[in-house]
N, C-alpha and C. Protein backbone atom coordinates (compact mmCIF):
# COMPACT_ATOMS: atom_id res chain seq x y z
N MET A 1 0.82 -1.20 0.00
CA MET A 1 0.00 0.01 0.00
C MET A 1 0.86 1.26 0.00
N VAL A 2 1.90 1.29 0.88
CA VAL A 2 2.77 2.45 0.95
C VAL A 2 3.51 2.65 -0.36
N ILE A 3 4.00 1.56 -0.95
CA ILE A 3 4.71 1.65 -2.23
C ILE A 3 3.78 2.20 -3.30
N SER A 4 2.52 1.77 -3.30
CA SER A 4 1.55 2.27 -4.28
C SER A 4 1.37 3.77 -4.12
N PHE A 5 1.28 4.25 -2.87
CA PHE A 5 1.13 5.67 -2.63
C PHE A 5 2.30 6.45 -3.21
N ILE A 6 3.51 5.95 -2.94
CA ILE A 6 4.71 6.66 -3.38
C ILE A 6 4.85 6.68 -4.89
N ILE A 7 4.67 5.52 -5.53
CA ILE A 7 4.86 5.42 -6.96
C ILE A 7 3.74 6.16 -7.71
N ALA A 8 2.49 5.91 -7.33
CA ALA A 8 1.36 6.52 -8.03
C ALA A 8 1.29 8.02 -7.79
N GLY A 9 1.80 8.47 -6.65
CA GLY A 9 1.67 9.89 -6.32
C GLY A 9 2.84 10.75 -6.70
N ARG A 10 3.91 10.16 -7.24
CA ARG A 10 5.09 10.95 -7.56
C ARG A 10 4.93 11.70 -8.87
N ASP A 11 4.81 10.99 -9.96
CA ASP A 11 4.74 11.62 -11.28
C ASP A 11 3.45 12.43 -11.48
N THR A 12 2.35 11.93 -10.92
CA THR A 12 1.07 12.61 -11.11
C THR A 12 1.07 13.98 -10.42
N THR A 13 1.55 14.05 -9.20
CA THR A 13 1.57 15.34 -8.51
C THR A 13 2.59 16.26 -9.17
N SER A 14 3.70 15.73 -9.64
CA SER A 14 4.69 16.57 -10.35
C SER A 14 4.07 17.18 -11.60
N SER A 15 3.31 16.38 -12.34
CA SER A 15 2.65 16.88 -13.54
C SER A 15 1.65 17.96 -13.19
N ALA A 16 0.84 17.71 -12.17
CA ALA A 16 -0.17 18.70 -11.77
C ALA A 16 0.45 20.00 -11.34
N LEU A 17 1.53 19.94 -10.57
CA LEU A 17 2.19 21.14 -10.07
C LEU A 17 2.86 21.92 -11.20
N THR A 18 3.42 21.20 -12.16
CA THR A 18 4.06 21.88 -13.31
C THR A 18 3.05 22.74 -14.05
N TRP A 19 1.87 22.18 -14.34
CA TRP A 19 0.87 22.94 -15.08
C TRP A 19 0.28 24.06 -14.25
N LEU A 20 0.08 23.84 -12.97
CA LEU A 20 -0.46 24.92 -12.15
C LEU A 20 0.51 26.09 -12.08
N LEU A 21 1.79 25.84 -11.86
CA LEU A 21 2.75 26.92 -11.77
C LEU A 21 2.84 27.68 -13.08
N TRP A 22 2.75 26.97 -14.21
CA TRP A 22 2.74 27.68 -15.49
C TRP A 22 1.51 28.56 -15.62
N LEU A 23 0.34 28.02 -15.27
CA LEU A 23 -0.89 28.81 -15.35
C LEU A 23 -0.81 30.05 -14.49
N LEU A 24 -0.21 29.93 -13.32
CA LEU A 24 -0.13 31.09 -12.43
C LEU A 24 0.80 32.17 -12.99
N THR A 25 1.78 31.80 -13.80
CA THR A 25 2.61 32.84 -14.44
C THR A 25 1.81 33.57 -15.50
N LYS A 26 0.71 32.99 -15.97
CA LYS A 26 -0.16 33.64 -16.94
C LYS A 26 -1.30 34.39 -16.24
N HIS A 27 -1.51 34.13 -14.98
CA HIS A 27 -2.60 34.73 -14.22
C HIS A 27 -2.03 35.22 -12.89
N ARG A 28 -1.31 36.32 -12.94
CA ARG A 28 -0.62 36.81 -11.75
C ARG A 28 -1.60 37.21 -10.64
N ASN A 29 -2.79 37.63 -11.02
CA ASN A 29 -3.76 37.99 -10.00
C ASN A 29 -4.17 36.78 -9.16
N LYS A 30 -4.19 35.61 -9.79
CA LYS A 30 -4.52 34.39 -9.05
C LYS A 30 -3.35 34.01 -8.12
N GLU A 31 -2.13 34.19 -8.60
CA GLU A 31 -0.97 33.93 -7.77
C GLU A 31 -0.97 34.83 -6.54
N GLU A 32 -1.32 36.11 -6.72
CA GLU A 32 -1.36 37.06 -5.61
C GLU A 32 -2.41 36.64 -4.58
N LEU A 33 -3.55 36.12 -5.04
CA LEU A 33 -4.59 35.67 -4.13
C LEU A 33 -4.13 34.45 -3.31
N ILE A 34 -3.39 33.57 -3.97
CA ILE A 34 -2.85 32.42 -3.22
C ILE A 34 -1.90 32.86 -2.14
N VAL A 35 -0.96 33.77 -2.48
CA VAL A 35 -0.01 34.27 -1.50
C VAL A 35 -0.73 34.97 -0.36
N LYS A 36 -1.74 35.76 -0.69
CA LYS A 36 -2.52 36.46 0.32
C LYS A 36 -3.21 35.46 1.25
N GLU A 37 -3.77 34.41 0.66
CA GLU A 37 -4.45 33.39 1.44
C GLU A 37 -3.48 32.66 2.37
N VAL A 38 -2.33 32.30 1.85
CA VAL A 38 -1.32 31.59 2.67
C VAL A 38 -0.86 32.47 3.82
N ASN A 39 -0.59 33.75 3.55
CA ASN A 39 -0.17 34.65 4.62
C ASN A 39 -1.23 34.80 5.69
N HIS A 40 -2.46 34.89 5.24
CA HIS A 40 -3.58 35.03 6.18
C HIS A 40 -3.69 33.80 7.08
N VAL A 41 -3.56 32.63 6.49
CA VAL A 41 -3.65 31.38 7.26
C VAL A 41 -2.51 31.28 8.25
N LEU A 42 -1.30 31.68 7.82
CA LEU A 42 -0.14 31.62 8.71
C LEU A 42 -0.27 32.58 9.88
N GLU A 43 -0.90 33.73 9.64
CA GLU A 43 -1.10 34.68 10.72
C GLU A 43 -2.00 34.12 11.81
N ASN A 44 -3.00 33.36 11.39
CA ASN A 44 -3.96 32.82 12.34
C ASN A 44 -3.57 31.47 12.91
N GLN A 45 -2.93 30.63 12.10
CA GLN A 45 -2.61 29.28 12.51
C GLN A 45 -1.19 29.12 13.04
N LYS A 46 -0.29 29.98 12.57
CA LYS A 46 1.12 29.95 12.97
C LYS A 46 1.89 28.75 12.44
N ALA A 47 1.20 27.74 11.99
CA ALA A 47 1.87 26.56 11.43
C ALA A 47 1.03 26.02 10.28
N LEU A 48 1.72 25.61 9.22
CA LEU A 48 1.01 25.08 8.06
C LEU A 48 0.81 23.58 8.25
N ASP A 49 -0.04 23.25 9.21
CA ASP A 49 -0.31 21.85 9.49
C ASP A 49 -1.55 21.40 8.72
N PHE A 50 -2.03 20.21 9.05
CA PHE A 50 -3.17 19.63 8.32
C PHE A 50 -4.40 20.53 8.39
N GLU A 51 -4.68 21.06 9.56
CA GLU A 51 -5.86 21.93 9.72
C GLU A 51 -5.69 23.23 8.93
N ALA A 52 -4.49 23.79 8.93
CA ALA A 52 -4.24 25.02 8.19
C ALA A 52 -4.38 24.80 6.68
N LEU A 53 -3.92 23.66 6.20
CA LEU A 53 -4.03 23.37 4.76
C LEU A 53 -5.47 23.31 4.31
N LYS A 54 -6.37 22.88 5.18
CA LYS A 54 -7.77 22.83 4.81
C LYS A 54 -8.36 24.21 4.60
N GLU A 55 -7.71 25.23 5.18
CA GLU A 55 -8.20 26.62 5.04
C GLU A 55 -7.76 27.24 3.72
N LEU A 56 -6.85 26.59 3.00
CA LEU A 56 -6.38 27.13 1.73
C LEU A 56 -7.34 26.77 0.62
N ARG A 57 -8.52 27.36 0.67
CA ARG A 57 -9.59 27.01 -0.28
C ARG A 57 -9.31 27.52 -1.69
N PHE A 58 -8.80 28.73 -1.79
CA PHE A 58 -8.53 29.24 -3.15
C PHE A 58 -7.42 28.44 -3.81
N LEU A 59 -6.39 28.07 -3.06
CA LEU A 59 -5.34 27.22 -3.62
C LEU A 59 -5.91 25.88 -4.05
N HIS A 60 -6.82 25.33 -3.23
CA HIS A 60 -7.47 24.07 -3.60
C HIS A 60 -8.24 24.23 -4.92
N ALA A 61 -8.96 25.34 -5.05
CA ALA A 61 -9.72 25.59 -6.28
C ALA A 61 -8.79 25.74 -7.48
N CYS A 62 -7.66 26.40 -7.30
CA CYS A 62 -6.69 26.55 -8.40
C CYS A 62 -6.14 25.19 -8.83
N LEU A 63 -5.88 24.32 -7.89
CA LEU A 63 -5.42 22.99 -8.23
C LEU A 63 -6.47 22.21 -9.01
N CYS A 64 -7.71 22.27 -8.54
CA CYS A 64 -8.79 21.56 -9.24
C CYS A 64 -8.96 22.10 -10.66
N GLU A 65 -8.90 23.43 -10.80
CA GLU A 65 -9.10 24.03 -12.12
C GLU A 65 -7.94 23.71 -13.05
N SER A 66 -6.73 23.71 -12.53
CA SER A 66 -5.57 23.35 -13.33
C SER A 66 -5.66 21.91 -13.82
N MET A 67 -6.07 21.00 -12.93
CA MET A 67 -6.18 19.60 -13.31
C MET A 67 -7.39 19.34 -14.21
N ARG A 68 -8.37 20.22 -14.17
CA ARG A 68 -9.47 20.10 -15.15
C ARG A 68 -8.95 20.35 -16.56
N LEU A 69 -8.11 21.36 -16.69
CA LEU A 69 -7.56 21.71 -18.02
C LEU A 69 -6.43 20.79 -18.43
N TYR A 70 -5.61 20.40 -17.48
CA TYR A 70 -4.43 19.59 -17.78
C TYR A 70 -4.32 18.44 -16.75
N PRO A 71 -5.18 17.43 -16.85
CA PRO A 71 -5.17 16.35 -15.88
C PRO A 71 -3.87 15.54 -15.95
N PRO A 72 -3.34 15.11 -14.80
CA PRO A 72 -2.12 14.31 -14.81
C PRO A 72 -2.28 12.99 -15.54
N VAL A 73 -3.48 12.45 -15.57
CA VAL A 73 -3.78 11.23 -16.33
C VAL A 73 -4.86 11.58 -17.34
N ALA A 74 -4.48 11.62 -18.62
CA ALA A 74 -5.37 12.10 -19.68
C ALA A 74 -6.52 11.14 -19.95
N TRP A 75 -6.26 9.85 -19.78
CA TRP A 75 -7.30 8.84 -20.04
C TRP A 75 -7.05 7.64 -19.13
N ASP A 76 -8.10 6.89 -18.93
CA ASP A 76 -7.99 5.69 -18.10
C ASP A 76 -9.07 4.71 -18.56
N SER A 77 -8.98 3.49 -18.14
CA SER A 77 -9.99 2.51 -18.55
C SER A 77 -10.21 1.47 -17.47
N LYS A 78 -11.35 0.80 -17.56
CA LYS A 78 -11.72 -0.26 -16.64
C LYS A 78 -12.27 -1.42 -17.45
N HIS A 79 -12.20 -2.60 -16.88
CA HIS A 79 -12.81 -3.78 -17.50
C HIS A 79 -14.05 -4.16 -16.72
N ALA A 80 -15.13 -4.40 -17.43
CA ALA A 80 -16.41 -4.73 -16.78
C ALA A 80 -16.33 -6.10 -16.14
N ALA A 81 -16.66 -6.17 -14.85
CA ALA A 81 -16.66 -7.44 -14.15
C ALA A 81 -17.90 -8.27 -14.48
N THR A 82 -18.99 -7.59 -14.84
CA THR A 82 -20.24 -8.25 -15.20
C THR A 82 -20.89 -7.47 -16.35
N ASP A 83 -21.92 -8.04 -16.93
CA ASP A 83 -22.72 -7.29 -17.91
C ASP A 83 -23.33 -6.07 -17.21
N ASP A 84 -23.39 -4.96 -17.93
CA ASP A 84 -23.92 -3.75 -17.31
C ASP A 84 -24.53 -2.86 -18.38
N ILE A 85 -25.19 -1.80 -17.93
CA ILE A 85 -25.77 -0.82 -18.84
C ILE A 85 -25.38 0.56 -18.32
N LEU A 86 -24.76 1.39 -19.16
CA LEU A 86 -24.36 2.73 -18.78
C LEU A 86 -25.59 3.63 -18.69
N PRO A 87 -25.48 4.78 -18.00
CA PRO A 87 -26.64 5.67 -17.83
C PRO A 87 -27.29 6.11 -19.15
N ASP A 88 -26.52 6.16 -20.24
CA ASP A 88 -27.10 6.57 -21.52
C ASP A 88 -27.72 5.41 -22.28
N GLY A 89 -27.73 4.22 -21.68
CA GLY A 89 -28.33 3.06 -22.32
C GLY A 89 -27.36 2.14 -23.03
N THR A 90 -26.09 2.56 -23.09
CA THR A 90 -25.09 1.72 -23.76
C THR A 90 -24.88 0.42 -22.99
N LYS A 91 -24.96 -0.69 -23.70
CA LYS A 91 -24.77 -1.99 -23.06
C LYS A 91 -23.29 -2.33 -23.02
N VAL A 92 -22.86 -2.81 -21.87
CA VAL A 92 -21.48 -3.21 -21.67
C VAL A 92 -21.46 -4.70 -21.30
N ARG A 93 -20.68 -5.47 -22.02
CA ARG A 93 -20.61 -6.89 -21.75
C ARG A 93 -19.47 -7.20 -20.77
N LYS A 94 -19.62 -8.27 -20.05
CA LYS A 94 -18.57 -8.69 -19.13
C LYS A 94 -17.25 -8.82 -19.90
N GLY A 95 -16.21 -8.21 -19.36
CA GLY A 95 -14.90 -8.27 -20.00
C GLY A 95 -14.61 -7.10 -20.91
N ASP A 96 -15.65 -6.31 -21.27
CA ASP A 96 -15.42 -5.15 -22.13
C ASP A 96 -14.53 -4.13 -21.43
N ARG A 97 -13.73 -3.47 -22.23
CA ARG A 97 -12.89 -2.40 -21.71
C ARG A 97 -13.58 -1.06 -21.97
N VAL A 98 -13.80 -0.30 -20.93
CA VAL A 98 -14.46 0.99 -21.04
C VAL A 98 -13.44 2.08 -20.73
N THR A 99 -13.20 2.94 -21.69
CA THR A 99 -12.20 4.00 -21.55
C THR A 99 -12.88 5.36 -21.43
N TYR A 100 -12.36 6.18 -20.56
CA TYR A 100 -12.89 7.55 -20.40
C TYR A 100 -11.70 8.52 -20.45
N PHE A 101 -12.00 9.80 -20.77
CA PHE A 101 -10.95 10.76 -21.04
C PHE A 101 -11.15 12.03 -20.19
N PRO A 102 -10.53 12.10 -19.02
CA PRO A 102 -10.62 13.32 -18.21
C PRO A 102 -10.16 14.56 -18.97
N TYR A 103 -9.17 14.42 -19.85
CA TYR A 103 -8.69 15.59 -20.61
C TYR A 103 -9.78 16.14 -21.50
N GLY A 104 -10.48 15.26 -22.19
CA GLY A 104 -11.57 15.71 -23.05
C GLY A 104 -12.79 16.17 -22.27
N MET A 105 -13.10 15.47 -21.19
CA MET A 105 -14.26 15.84 -20.38
C MET A 105 -14.08 17.21 -19.74
N GLY A 106 -12.85 17.55 -19.44
CA GLY A 106 -12.59 18.87 -18.83
C GLY A 106 -12.80 20.02 -19.77
N LYS A 107 -13.01 19.74 -21.05
CA LYS A 107 -13.19 20.78 -22.04
C LYS A 107 -14.53 20.65 -22.78
N MET A 108 -15.46 19.94 -22.17
CA MET A 108 -16.79 19.77 -22.77
C MET A 108 -17.70 20.94 -22.37
N GLU A 109 -18.28 21.61 -23.36
CA GLU A 109 -19.13 22.78 -23.07
C GLU A 109 -20.34 22.40 -22.25
N GLU A 110 -20.91 21.21 -22.49
CA GLU A 110 -22.11 20.81 -21.74
C GLU A 110 -21.82 20.54 -20.26
N LEU A 111 -20.55 20.34 -19.92
CA LEU A 111 -20.18 20.13 -18.53
C LEU A 111 -19.68 21.41 -17.87
N TRP A 112 -18.95 22.24 -18.61
CA TRP A 112 -18.26 23.37 -17.98
C TRP A 112 -18.65 24.73 -18.55
N GLY A 113 -19.49 24.75 -19.57
CA GLY A 113 -19.95 26.04 -20.10
C GLY A 113 -19.07 26.59 -21.20
N LYS A 114 -19.46 27.76 -21.69
CA LYS A 114 -18.76 28.37 -22.81
C LYS A 114 -17.35 28.84 -22.45
N ASP A 115 -17.12 29.06 -21.16
CA ASP A 115 -15.78 29.50 -20.73
C ASP A 115 -14.90 28.32 -20.33
N ARG A 116 -15.17 27.17 -20.89
CA ARG A 116 -14.49 25.93 -20.50
C ARG A 116 -13.00 25.94 -20.73
N PHE A 117 -12.51 26.77 -21.65
CA PHE A 117 -11.08 26.81 -21.93
C PHE A 117 -10.34 27.81 -21.03
N GLU A 118 -11.09 28.54 -20.22
CA GLU A 118 -10.48 29.56 -19.37
C GLU A 118 -10.10 28.99 -18.00
N PHE A 119 -9.06 29.53 -17.43
CA PHE A 119 -8.62 29.15 -16.10
C PHE A 119 -9.39 30.02 -15.09
N LYS A 120 -10.43 29.46 -14.49
CA LYS A 120 -11.31 30.21 -13.62
C LYS A 120 -11.53 29.42 -12.32
N PRO A 121 -10.66 29.59 -11.36
CA PRO A 121 -10.82 28.90 -10.07
C PRO A 121 -12.14 29.20 -9.38
N ASP A 122 -12.75 30.37 -9.68
CA ASP A 122 -14.01 30.73 -9.05
C ASP A 122 -15.11 29.71 -9.32
N ARG A 123 -15.00 28.96 -10.40
CA ARG A 123 -16.06 28.00 -10.72
C ARG A 123 -16.16 26.87 -9.68
N TRP A 124 -15.20 26.80 -8.79
CA TRP A 124 -15.20 25.76 -7.75
C TRP A 124 -15.80 26.24 -6.43
N PHE A 125 -16.30 27.49 -6.42
CA PHE A 125 -16.94 28.02 -5.23
C PHE A 125 -18.45 28.06 -5.39
N ASP A 126 -19.13 28.06 -4.25
CA ASP A 126 -20.61 28.10 -4.26
C ASP A 126 -21.12 29.35 -4.93
N GLU A 127 -20.41 30.50 -4.73
CA GLU A 127 -20.82 31.77 -5.29
C GLU A 127 -19.68 32.38 -6.09
N PRO A 128 -19.98 33.13 -7.15
CA PRO A 128 -18.93 33.87 -7.89
C PRO A 128 -18.18 34.79 -6.92
N GLY A 129 -16.89 34.84 -7.07
CA GLY A 129 -16.08 35.66 -6.16
C GLY A 129 -15.94 35.07 -4.78
N GLY A 130 -16.23 33.79 -4.66
CA GLY A 130 -16.15 33.13 -3.35
C GLY A 130 -14.80 33.22 -2.69
N ALA A 131 -13.74 33.29 -3.50
CA ALA A 131 -12.40 33.37 -2.92
C ALA A 131 -12.20 34.67 -2.18
N ASP A 132 -12.89 35.74 -2.60
CA ASP A 132 -12.71 37.06 -1.99
C ASP A 132 -13.57 37.25 -0.75
N ILE A 133 -14.60 36.45 -0.60
CA ILE A 133 -15.52 36.63 0.53
C ILE A 133 -15.47 35.47 1.50
N GLY A 134 -14.43 34.66 1.39
CA GLY A 134 -14.30 33.51 2.29
C GLY A 134 -15.35 32.46 2.03
N GLY A 135 -15.73 32.30 0.77
CA GLY A 135 -16.77 31.34 0.41
C GLY A 135 -16.34 29.89 0.59
N GLU A 136 -17.30 29.03 0.47
CA GLU A 136 -17.05 27.60 0.62
C GLU A 136 -16.92 26.94 -0.74
N LEU A 137 -16.07 25.95 -0.83
CA LEU A 137 -15.93 25.17 -2.06
C LEU A 137 -17.21 24.34 -2.27
N LYS A 138 -17.64 24.24 -3.51
CA LYS A 138 -18.84 23.50 -3.78
C LYS A 138 -18.51 22.05 -4.16
N TYR A 139 -19.50 21.19 -4.00
CA TYR A 139 -19.33 19.81 -4.38
C TYR A 139 -19.45 19.68 -5.90
N VAL A 140 -18.49 18.99 -6.49
CA VAL A 140 -18.53 18.70 -7.93
C VAL A 140 -18.45 17.18 -8.08
N SER A 141 -19.41 16.61 -8.76
CA SER A 141 -19.48 15.17 -8.92
C SER A 141 -18.21 14.63 -9.57
N PRO A 142 -17.65 13.56 -9.01
CA PRO A 142 -16.47 12.95 -9.63
C PRO A 142 -16.78 12.34 -11.00
N TYR A 143 -18.05 12.14 -11.30
CA TYR A 143 -18.42 11.64 -12.63
C TYR A 143 -18.40 12.76 -13.67
N LYS A 144 -18.40 14.00 -13.20
CA LYS A 144 -18.21 15.16 -14.06
C LYS A 144 -16.72 15.51 -14.14
N TYR A 145 -16.04 15.28 -13.05
CA TYR A 145 -14.62 15.63 -12.90
C TYR A 145 -13.85 14.39 -12.44
N PRO A 146 -13.58 13.45 -13.36
CA PRO A 146 -13.02 12.16 -12.97
C PRO A 146 -11.48 12.13 -12.88
N VAL A 147 -10.89 13.25 -12.52
CA VAL A 147 -9.42 13.30 -12.44
C VAL A 147 -8.89 12.29 -11.42
N PHE A 148 -9.67 12.06 -10.36
CA PHE A 148 -9.28 11.07 -9.36
C PHE A 148 -10.16 9.82 -9.45
N GLN A 149 -10.76 9.60 -10.60
CA GLN A 149 -11.69 8.49 -10.83
C GLN A 149 -12.94 8.72 -9.97
N ALA A 150 -13.79 7.70 -9.87
CA ALA A 150 -15.07 7.88 -9.18
C ALA A 150 -15.58 6.54 -8.66
N GLY A 151 -16.59 6.61 -7.80
CA GLY A 151 -17.20 5.38 -7.29
C GLY A 151 -16.29 4.65 -6.34
N PRO A 152 -16.51 3.32 -6.20
CA PRO A 152 -15.72 2.52 -5.24
C PRO A 152 -14.24 2.44 -5.62
N ARG A 153 -13.89 2.80 -6.85
CA ARG A 153 -12.49 2.75 -7.28
C ARG A 153 -11.86 4.12 -7.31
N VAL A 154 -12.41 5.07 -6.57
CA VAL A 154 -11.83 6.42 -6.52
C VAL A 154 -10.40 6.33 -5.98
N CYS A 155 -9.54 7.23 -6.42
CA CYS A 155 -8.12 7.20 -6.06
C CYS A 155 -7.96 7.23 -4.55
N ILE A 156 -7.31 6.23 -4.02
CA ILE A 156 -7.13 6.13 -2.58
C ILE A 156 -6.17 7.20 -2.04
N GLY A 157 -5.35 7.75 -2.94
CA GLY A 157 -4.38 8.75 -2.51
C GLY A 157 -4.83 10.19 -2.77
N LYS A 158 -6.10 10.40 -3.09
CA LYS A 158 -6.57 11.74 -3.43
C LYS A 158 -6.27 12.78 -2.36
N GLU A 159 -6.66 12.51 -1.14
CA GLU A 159 -6.47 13.49 -0.08
C GLU A 159 -5.00 13.72 0.21
N MET A 160 -4.19 12.66 0.15
CA MET A 160 -2.76 12.83 0.37
C MET A 160 -2.15 13.68 -0.75
N ALA A 161 -2.64 13.50 -1.98
CA ALA A 161 -2.13 14.30 -3.10
C ALA A 161 -2.41 15.77 -2.89
N PHE A 162 -3.64 16.10 -2.45
CA PHE A 162 -3.97 17.51 -2.22
C PHE A 162 -3.13 18.10 -1.09
N ILE A 163 -2.92 17.33 -0.03
CA ILE A 163 -2.07 17.81 1.06
C ILE A 163 -0.68 18.12 0.57
N GLN A 164 -0.12 17.18 -0.17
CA GLN A 164 1.24 17.34 -0.68
C GLN A 164 1.32 18.54 -1.64
N MET A 165 0.40 18.64 -2.57
CA MET A 165 0.45 19.71 -3.57
C MET A 165 0.23 21.08 -2.94
N LYS A 166 -0.73 21.17 -2.02
CA LYS A 166 -1.00 22.45 -1.37
C LYS A 166 0.19 22.92 -0.54
N TYR A 167 0.83 22.00 0.13
CA TYR A 167 1.99 22.39 0.92
C TYR A 167 3.13 22.87 0.03
N VAL A 168 3.40 22.16 -1.05
CA VAL A 168 4.50 22.51 -1.95
C VAL A 168 4.24 23.88 -2.58
N VAL A 169 3.03 24.10 -3.12
CA VAL A 169 2.74 25.37 -3.78
C VAL A 169 2.78 26.51 -2.77
N ALA A 170 2.18 26.30 -1.60
CA ALA A 170 2.19 27.34 -0.56
C ALA A 170 3.61 27.70 -0.16
N ASP A 171 4.45 26.71 0.00
CA ASP A 171 5.83 26.95 0.41
C ASP A 171 6.61 27.70 -0.67
N ILE A 172 6.43 27.30 -1.91
CA ILE A 172 7.17 27.94 -3.02
C ILE A 172 6.71 29.38 -3.20
N LEU A 173 5.39 29.57 -3.35
CA LEU A 173 4.89 30.92 -3.68
C LEU A 173 5.00 31.88 -2.49
N ARG A 174 4.98 31.35 -1.29
CA ARG A 174 5.14 32.21 -0.10
C ARG A 174 6.53 32.82 -0.08
N ARG A 175 7.51 32.09 -0.60
CA ARG A 175 8.91 32.52 -0.48
C ARG A 175 9.53 33.04 -1.79
N PHE A 176 8.95 32.63 -2.93
CA PHE A 176 9.60 32.95 -4.19
C PHE A 176 8.62 33.47 -5.25
N GLU A 177 9.15 34.31 -6.11
CA GLU A 177 8.46 34.71 -7.33
C GLU A 177 9.00 33.86 -8.47
N ILE A 178 8.14 33.44 -9.34
CA ILE A 178 8.55 32.52 -10.44
C ILE A 178 8.31 33.21 -11.79
N LYS A 179 9.33 33.13 -12.62
CA LYS A 179 9.21 33.67 -13.97
C LYS A 179 9.72 32.64 -14.96
N PRO A 180 8.97 32.38 -16.04
CA PRO A 180 9.40 31.39 -17.03
C PRO A 180 10.66 31.86 -17.76
N VAL A 181 11.54 30.94 -18.03
CA VAL A 181 12.72 31.26 -18.84
C VAL A 181 12.29 31.55 -20.28
N PHE A 182 11.35 30.76 -20.79
CA PHE A 182 10.85 30.95 -22.14
C PHE A 182 9.35 31.23 -22.10
N GLU A 183 8.93 32.32 -22.70
CA GLU A 183 7.52 32.66 -22.74
C GLU A 183 6.86 31.96 -23.95
N VAL A 184 5.83 31.19 -23.68
CA VAL A 184 5.08 30.52 -24.73
C VAL A 184 3.59 30.73 -24.45
N ASP A 185 2.80 30.76 -25.54
CA ASP A 185 1.36 30.94 -25.36
C ASP A 185 0.75 29.78 -24.59
N GLU A 186 1.12 28.57 -24.98
CA GLU A 186 0.65 27.37 -24.28
C GLU A 186 1.59 26.22 -24.60
N PRO A 187 2.20 25.62 -23.59
CA PRO A 187 3.08 24.46 -23.85
C PRO A 187 2.27 23.30 -24.41
N VAL A 188 2.98 22.37 -25.01
CA VAL A 188 2.32 21.19 -25.58
C VAL A 188 2.06 20.18 -24.47
N TYR A 189 0.83 19.73 -24.39
CA TYR A 189 0.41 18.71 -23.42
C TYR A 189 0.62 17.34 -24.04
N ILE A 190 1.45 16.52 -23.43
CA ILE A 190 1.74 15.19 -23.96
C ILE A 190 1.02 14.15 -23.10
N PRO A 191 -0.01 13.51 -23.64
CA PRO A 191 -0.82 12.55 -22.84
C PRO A 191 -0.22 11.16 -22.76
N LEU A 192 0.92 11.06 -22.07
CA LEU A 192 1.50 9.75 -21.84
C LEU A 192 0.78 9.06 -20.70
N PHE A 193 1.32 7.95 -20.18
CA PHE A 193 0.71 7.28 -19.04
C PHE A 193 0.47 8.27 -17.92
N THR A 194 1.49 9.11 -17.66
CA THR A 194 1.31 10.31 -16.86
C THR A 194 1.64 11.50 -17.77
N ALA A 195 0.73 12.43 -17.88
CA ALA A 195 0.88 13.52 -18.83
C ALA A 195 2.11 14.38 -18.51
N GLU A 196 2.73 14.89 -19.56
CA GLU A 196 3.91 15.73 -19.39
C GLU A 196 3.75 17.03 -20.16
N MET A 197 4.52 18.01 -19.77
CA MET A 197 4.65 19.26 -20.51
C MET A 197 5.89 19.15 -21.40
N ALA A 198 5.71 19.29 -22.69
CA ALA A 198 6.82 19.14 -23.61
C ALA A 198 7.95 20.10 -23.26
N GLY A 199 9.13 19.56 -23.06
CA GLY A 199 10.28 20.39 -22.73
C GLY A 199 10.37 20.78 -21.28
N GLY A 200 9.39 20.38 -20.48
CA GLY A 200 9.40 20.77 -19.07
C GLY A 200 9.07 22.24 -18.88
N PHE A 201 9.24 22.72 -17.68
CA PHE A 201 8.93 24.13 -17.38
C PHE A 201 10.13 24.74 -16.65
N LYS A 202 10.97 25.40 -17.45
CA LYS A 202 12.17 26.02 -16.90
C LYS A 202 11.83 27.41 -16.38
N VAL A 203 12.28 27.68 -15.16
CA VAL A 203 11.90 28.96 -14.53
C VAL A 203 13.11 29.63 -13.89
N MET A 204 12.94 30.93 -13.65
CA MET A 204 13.88 31.70 -12.84
C MET A 204 13.14 32.05 -11.56
N ILE A 205 13.82 31.97 -10.42
CA ILE A 205 13.16 32.28 -9.18
C ILE A 205 13.86 33.46 -8.48
N LYS A 206 13.04 34.21 -7.77
CA LYS A 206 13.54 35.37 -7.02
C LYS A 206 12.85 35.37 -5.67
N LYS A 207 13.61 35.62 -4.63
CA LYS A 207 13.03 35.62 -3.30
C LYS A 207 11.95 36.70 -3.20
N ARG A 208 10.81 36.31 -2.70
CA ARG A 208 9.70 37.25 -2.59
C ARG A 208 9.96 38.22 -1.42
N SER A 209 9.76 39.49 -1.66
CA SER A 209 9.99 40.48 -0.60
C SER A 209 8.98 40.32 0.52
N GLY A 210 9.47 40.46 1.76
CA GLY A 210 8.58 40.44 2.91
C GLY A 210 8.18 39.05 3.37
N CYS A 211 8.81 38.01 2.83
CA CYS A 211 8.42 36.65 3.23
C CYS A 211 9.26 36.18 4.39
N TYR A 212 8.75 35.10 5.04
CA TYR A 212 9.52 34.45 6.09
C TYR A 212 10.61 33.64 5.41
N ASP A 213 11.70 33.38 6.13
CA ASP A 213 12.76 32.53 5.59
C ASP A 213 12.29 31.10 5.41
N SER A 214 11.41 30.66 6.25
CA SER A 214 10.88 29.30 6.14
C SER A 214 9.49 29.28 6.73
N MET A 215 8.78 28.20 6.47
CA MET A 215 7.43 28.04 6.98
C MET A 215 7.43 27.00 8.06
N THR A 216 6.70 27.28 9.11
CA THR A 216 6.62 26.34 10.22
C THR A 216 5.61 25.26 9.91
N SER A 217 5.94 24.04 10.25
CA SER A 217 4.99 22.94 10.08
C SER A 217 4.95 22.14 11.35
N ALA A 218 3.79 21.59 11.63
CA ALA A 218 3.64 20.78 12.84
C ALA A 218 3.68 19.31 12.48
């Protein structure tokens, strides 16, 4: 079980973080909101522990939105254990392989609207502008957003992945400003077993003014 957590969670979280950090260089206002949120949580919690990480709602929304556009796993499939019928009436025979595409589903207008190609973390809050008013994250069906799969086979490491990614992003952005070495409109998304950004994401970093030298963790 532990080995599965380590292996399955290494490349996938790396992929997710690469795309999020690139998106934030294109949306500096979102980066500023994350830094503001992290600073606010640290003022009240004093330590970026498990409870504090749960308060980073805007960062959570940014991660969800980034993975909607650029999921770490572009497609996946299952084999039917028994004969079944899908909700749309499609018959599935025992042994059939059923493949679904989180990458394509994340860009379907009927699921996400006309602004489906835009990076809009606000869509993950109950109300528009929820990040600015301390709003609550809304429930989104995993069958609409299958980045972590759904049902009884949902990713067992989902919560651990969010903890890891939120801590890494909070730590980096709290202390550093990130600038891409090469400016591109949109890097090429390579849908391998774990999706990659073609050429990687080369950056220059600069210490952020007014930050702590390190973050306390419990």
